[in-house]
Amino acid sequence: MEIKITTGDITRIKTGAIVLGIFEGETALSGPLAAADKTLDGAISEVIKEGGIKGKLNEVTVFYTLGKLPAERVVVAGMGKQNELTPDKIREVTAAVCRNLRGRWVEMVASAILGARTAGIGIENAASAMTEGAFLGTYTFRHHKTEMPEFGEI
């Protein structure tokens, strides 16, 4: 696994999926999530309005972009209640997203730094928790298996 940290507009990255977070009860979209929603003709906000995305901790919703964005998918990750966010919860969310995408055969992912500058969590702590979560979410114990795993096998 290779992890890089860069800056820029996440909605312009060509990748298998971009990951954006949403807090429980959040209805007004902003930043990259609002930009992705606009490009997807309001699909994300429509699902939120219908109750399909609540922002609950570890809730993972995948939208296929159908060529409207360079990324093949937009993943909306539920971050739970904003005032209860901790680095451990960021780690959990990232692991849940990675497990979900691994089962969908996604090879490369770009993500906003989930939870940064929220509830007193700095960018460094959030990025560190996400890195750990990515490793945990993609880990497979294979010590006793003799065959090599197929990509995407969980």
C-alpha atoms as a PDB file:
ATOM      1  CA  MET A   1       0.000   0.000   0.000  1.00  0.00           C
ATOM      2  CA  GLU A   2       1.258   3.433  -0.919  1.00  0.00           C
ATOM      3  CA  ILE A   3      -0.041   6.532   0.856  1.00  0.00           C
ATOM      4  CA  LYS A   4       0.548  10.079  -0.411  1.00  0.00           C
ATOM      5  CA  ILE A   5      -0.653  13.366   1.005  1.00  0.00           C
ATOM      6  CA  THR A   6      -1.272  16.138  -1.505  1.00  0.00           C
ATOM      7  CA  THR A   7      -3.337  19.275  -1.764  1.00  0.00           C
ATOM      8  CA  GLY A   8      -5.786  20.320  -4.442  1.00  0.00           C
ATOM      9  CA  ASP A   9      -9.326  19.847  -5.621  1.00  0.00           C
ATOM     10  CA  ILE A  10     -10.292  16.257  -4.814  1.00  0.00           C
ATOM     11  CA  THR A  11     -13.102  16.317  -7.373  1.00  0.00           C
ATOM     12  CA  ARG A  12     -10.494  16.613 -10.151  1.00  0.00           C
ATOM     13  CA  ILE A  13      -8.518  13.484  -9.249  1.00  0.00           C
ATOM     14  CA  LYS A  14      -8.710  10.486 -11.591  1.00  0.00           C
ATOM     15  CA  THR A  15      -9.037   7.519  -9.254  1.00  0.00           C
ATOM     16  CA  GLY A  16     -11.254   4.581  -8.404  1.00  0.00           C
ATOM     17  CA  ALA A  17     -13.035   6.519  -5.669  1.00  0.00           C
ATOM     18  CA  ILE A  18     -12.976   9.770  -3.744  1.00  0.00           C
ATOM     19  CA  VAL A  19     -14.013   9.686  -0.095  1.00  0.00           C
ATOM     20  CA  LEU A  20     -15.860  12.561   1.543  1.00  0.00           C
ATOM     21  CA  GLY A  21     -17.263  12.688   5.057  1.00  0.00           C
ATOM     22  CA  ILE A  22     -20.622  13.800   6.393  1.00  0.00           C
ATOM     23  CA  PHE A  23     -21.674  14.247  10.006  1.00  0.00           C
ATOM     24  CA  GLU A  24     -24.857  12.874  11.493  1.00  0.00           C
ATOM     25  CA  GLY A  25     -27.736  15.277  10.944  1.00  0.00           C
ATOM     26  CA  GLU A  26     -25.830  17.388   8.413  1.00  0.00           C
ATOM     27  CA  THR A  27     -28.105  18.519   5.590  1.00  0.00           C
ATOM     28  CA  ALA A  28     -26.350  21.588   4.170  1.00  0.00           C
ATOM     29  CA  LEU A  29     -23.470  20.327   2.040  1.00  0.00           C
ATOM     30  CA  SER A  30     -20.281  22.341   1.715  1.00  0.00           C
ATOM     31  CA  GLY A  31     -16.784  22.118   0.266  1.00  0.00           C
ATOM     32  CA  PRO A  32     -15.848  19.094  -1.857  1.00  0.00           C
ATOM     33  CA  LEU A  33     -19.052  17.242  -0.930  1.00  0.00           C
ATOM     34  CA  ALA A  34     -21.162  20.115  -2.295  1.00  0.00           C
ATOM     35  CA  ALA A  35     -18.997  20.261  -5.438  1.00  0.00           C
ATOM     36  CA  ALA A  36     -19.377  16.520  -6.028  1.00  0.00           C
ATOM     37  CA  ASP A  37     -23.125  16.754  -5.411  1.00  0.00           C
ATOM     38  CA  LYS A  38     -23.465  19.579  -7.925  1.00  0.00           C
ATOM     39  CA  THR A  39     -21.531  17.638 -10.565  1.00  0.00           C
ATOM     40  CA  LEU A  40     -23.689  14.555  -9.904  1.00  0.00           C
ATOM     41  CA  ASP A  41     -26.814  16.677 -10.497  1.00  0.00           C
ATOM     42  CA  GLY A  42     -27.831  16.703  -6.811  1.00  0.00           C
ATOM     43  CA  ALA A  43     -27.810  12.920  -6.380  1.00  0.00           C
ATOM     44  CA  ILE A  44     -26.108  13.059  -2.973  1.00  0.00           C
ATOM     45  CA  SER A  45     -28.392  15.741  -1.530  1.00  0.00           C
ATOM     46  CA  GLU A  46     -31.422  13.885  -2.879  1.00  0.00           C
ATOM     47  CA  VAL A  47     -30.422  10.675  -1.072  1.00  0.00           C
ATOM     48  CA  ILE A  48     -29.810  12.679   2.114  1.00  0.00           C
ATOM     49  CA  LYS A  49     -33.235  14.313   1.781  1.00  0.00           C
ATOM     50  CA  GLU A  50     -34.876  10.902   1.335  1.00  0.00           C
ATOM     51  CA  GLY A  51     -33.125   9.571   4.452  1.00  0.00           C
ATOM     52  CA  GLY A  52     -30.754   7.213   2.649  1.00  0.00           C
ATOM     53  CA  ILE A  53     -27.713   8.933   4.160  1.00  0.00           C
ATOM     54  CA  LYS A  54     -27.909   9.853   7.819  1.00  0.00           C
ATOM     55  CA  GLY A  55     -24.208  10.396   8.528  1.00  0.00           C
ATOM     56  CA  LYS A  56     -24.168   7.720  11.230  1.00  0.00           C
ATOM     57  CA  LEU A  57     -20.743   6.447  12.240  1.00  0.00           C
ATOM     58  CA  ASN A  58     -19.295   3.967   9.694  1.00  0.00           C
ATOM     59  CA  GLU A  59     -22.198   4.393   7.255  1.00  0.00           C
ATOM     60  CA  VAL A  60     -20.775   4.021   3.735  1.00  0.00           C
ATOM     61  CA  THR A  61     -22.709   5.114   0.645  1.00  0.00           C
ATOM     62  CA  VAL A  62     -21.210   4.721  -2.819  1.00  0.00           C
ATOM     63  CA  PHE A  63     -22.265   6.759  -5.854  1.00  0.00           C
ATOM     64  CA  TYR A  64     -21.054   5.890  -9.339  1.00  0.00           C
ATOM     65  CA  THR A  65     -20.122   9.046 -11.223  1.00  0.00           C
ATOM     66  CA  LEU A  66     -20.874   7.669 -14.710  1.00  0.00           C
ATOM     67  CA  GLY A  67     -18.090   9.814 -16.173  1.00  0.00           C
ATOM     68  CA  LYS A  68     -19.297  13.094 -14.663  1.00  0.00           C
ATOM     69  CA  LEU A  69     -16.163  13.240 -12.483  1.00  0.00           C
ATOM     70  CA  PRO A  70     -12.664  11.896 -13.153  1.00  0.00           C
ATOM     71  CA  ALA A  71     -13.157   9.501 -10.207  1.00  0.00           C
ATOM     72  CA  GLU A  72     -15.267   6.413 -10.904  1.00  0.00           C
ATOM     73  CA  ARG A  73     -17.088   6.638  -7.551  1.00  0.00           C
ATOM     74  CA  VAL A  74     -17.866   9.112  -4.796  1.00  0.00           C
ATOM     75  CA  VAL A  75     -18.024   7.578  -1.330  1.00  0.00           C
ATOM     76  CA  VAL A  76     -19.927   9.430   1.375  1.00  0.00           C
ATOM     77  CA  ALA A  77     -18.647   8.266   4.761  1.00  0.00           C
ATOM     78  CA  GLY A  78     -20.763   8.746   7.873  1.00  0.00           C
ATOM     79  CA  MET A  79     -18.681  10.388  10.597  1.00  0.00           C
ATOM     80  CA  GLY A  80     -21.218  10.189  13.430  1.00  0.00           C
ATOM     81  CA  LYS A  81     -21.993  13.120  15.696  1.00  0.00           C
ATOM     82  CA  GLN A  82     -19.627  16.013  15.109  1.00  0.00           C
ATOM     83  CA  ASN A  83     -19.135  16.842  18.811  1.00  0.00           C
ATOM     84  CA  GLU A  84     -18.276  13.178  19.581  1.00  0.00           C
ATOM     85  CA  LEU A  85     -15.608  12.756  16.903  1.00  0.00           C
ATOM     86  CA  THR A  86     -12.277  11.270  18.029  1.00  0.00           C
ATOM     87  CA  PRO A  87      -9.214   9.953  16.169  1.00  0.00           C
ATOM     88  CA  ASP A  88     -10.423   6.422  16.999  1.00  0.00           C
ATOM     89  CA  LYS A  89     -13.694   7.104  15.192  1.00  0.00           C
ATOM     90  CA  ILE A  90     -11.831   8.515  12.189  1.00  0.00           C
ATOM     91  CA  ARG A  91      -9.783   5.292  12.144  1.00  0.00           C
ATOM     92  CA  GLU A  92     -12.996   3.200  12.276  1.00  0.00           C
ATOM     93  CA  VAL A  93     -14.653   5.139   9.460  1.00  0.00           C
ATOM     94  CA  THR A  94     -11.595   4.866   7.228  1.00  0.00           C
ATOM     95  CA  ALA A  95     -11.349   1.118   7.867  1.00  0.00           C
ATOM     96  CA  ALA A  96     -15.058   0.687   7.037  1.00  0.00           C
ATOM     97  CA  VAL A  97     -14.642   2.607   3.779  1.00  0.00           C
ATOM     98  CA  CYS A  98     -11.554   0.616   2.781  1.00  0.00           C
ATOM     99  CA  ARG A  99     -13.265  -2.723   3.501  1.00  0.00           C
ATOM    100  CA  ASN A 100     -16.233  -1.629   1.392  1.00  0.00           C
ATOM    101  CA  LEU A 101     -14.112  -0.465  -1.541  1.00  0.00           C
ATOM    102  CA  ARG A 102     -11.842  -3.485  -1.426  1.00  0.00           C
ATOM    103  CA  GLY A 103     -14.880  -5.683  -1.979  1.00  0.00           C
ATOM    104  CA  ARG A 104     -15.723  -3.527  -5.020  1.00  0.00           C
ATOM    105  CA  TRP A 105     -12.286  -4.030  -6.577  1.00  0.00           C
ATOM    106  CA  VAL A 106     -11.200  -0.406  -6.151  1.00  0.00           C
ATOM    107  CA  GLU A 107      -7.431  -0.163  -6.475  1.00  0.00           C
ATOM    108  CA  MET A 108      -6.802   3.515  -5.755  1.00  0.00           C
ATOM    109  CA  VAL A 109      -8.619   5.931  -3.454  1.00  0.00           C
ATOM    110  CA  ALA A 110      -8.331   9.659  -2.789  1.00  0.00           C
ATOM    111  CA  SER A 111      -9.811  11.128   0.353  1.00  0.00           C
ATOM    112  CA  ALA A 112     -10.316  14.443   2.010  1.00  0.00           C
ATOM    113  CA  ILE A 113      -8.761  14.399   5.482  1.00  0.00           C
ATOM    114  CA  LEU A 114     -11.781  13.197   7.408  1.00  0.00           C
ATOM    115  CA  GLY A 115     -12.504  15.028  10.659  1.00  0.00           C
ATOM    116  CA  ALA A 116      -9.606  17.470  10.437  1.00  0.00           C
ATOM    117  CA  ARG A 117     -10.165  20.632  12.467  1.00  0.00           C
ATOM    118  CA  THR A 118     -13.255  19.136  14.085  1.00  0.00           C
ATOM    119  CA  ALA A 119     -13.676  18.611  17.848  1.00  0.00           C
ATOM    120  CA  GLY A 120     -10.116  19.777  18.399  1.00  0.00           C
ATOM    121  CA  ILE A 121      -8.559  17.171  16.077  1.00  0.00           C
ATOM    122  CA  GLY A 122      -5.650  18.557  14.072  1.00  0.00           C
ATOM    123  CA  ILE A 123      -4.813  17.694  10.496  1.00  0.00           C
ATOM    124  CA  GLU A 124      -1.828  15.568  11.542  1.00  0.00           C
ATOM    125  CA  ASN A 125      -3.851  13.466  13.992  1.00  0.00           C
ATOM    126  CA  ALA A 126      -6.679  12.997  11.510  1.00  0.00           C
ATOM    127  CA  ALA A 127      -4.273  11.979   8.713  1.00  0.00           C
ATOM    128  CA  SER A 128      -2.494   9.564  11.048  1.00  0.00           C
ATOM    129  CA  ALA A 129      -5.792   7.971  12.131  1.00  0.00           C
ATOM    130  CA  MET A 130      -6.851   7.638   8.490  1.00  0.00           C
ATOM    131  CA  THR A 131      -3.562   5.962   7.568  1.00  0.00           C
ATOM    132  CA  GLU A 132      -3.961   3.443  10.383  1.00  0.00           C
ATOM    133  CA  GLY A 133      -7.596   2.866   9.398  1.00  0.00           C
ATOM    134  CA  ALA A 134      -6.614   2.225   5.780  1.00  0.00           C
ATOM    135  CA  PHE A 135      -4.135  -0.443   6.868  1.00  0.00           C
ATOM    136  CA  LEU A 136      -6.669  -2.025   9.226  1.00  0.00           C
ATOM    137  CA  GLY A 137      -9.434  -1.973   6.620  1.00  0.00           C
ATOM    138  CA  THR A 138      -7.341  -3.665   3.950  1.00  0.00           C
ATOM    139  CA  TYR A 139      -5.582  -6.202   6.185  1.00  0.00           C
ATOM    140  CA  THR A 140      -6.235  -9.889   5.606  1.00  0.00           C
ATOM    141  CA  PHE A 141      -4.790 -12.644   7.799  1.00  0.00           C
ATOM    142  CA  ARG A 142      -3.456 -15.218   5.347  1.00  0.00           C
ATOM    143  CA  HIS A 143      -0.807 -17.038   7.369  1.00  0.00           C
ATOM    144  CA  HIS A 144      -2.463 -20.465   7.079  1.00  0.00           C
ATOM    145  CA  LYS A 145      -3.635 -20.113   3.469  1.00  0.00           C
ATOM    146  CA  THR A 146      -1.566 -21.654   0.706  1.00  0.00           C
ATOM    147  CA  GLU A 147      -3.135 -19.844  -2.247  1.00  0.00           C
ATOM    148  CA  MET A 148      -2.457 -16.240  -3.152  1.00  0.00           C
ATOM    149  CA  PRO A 149      -5.520 -14.009  -2.693  1.00  0.00           C
ATOM    150  CA  GLU A 150      -7.429 -12.656  -5.642  1.00  0.00           C
ATOM    151  CA  PHE A 151      -7.558  -8.874  -5.766  1.00  0.00           C
ATOM    152  CA  GLY A 152     -10.608  -7.658  -3.874  1.00  0.00           C
ATOM    153  CA  GLU A 153     -10.914 -10.887  -1.888  1.00  0.00           C
ATOM    154  CA  ILE A 154     -11.912 -10.255   1.683  1.00  0.00           C
END
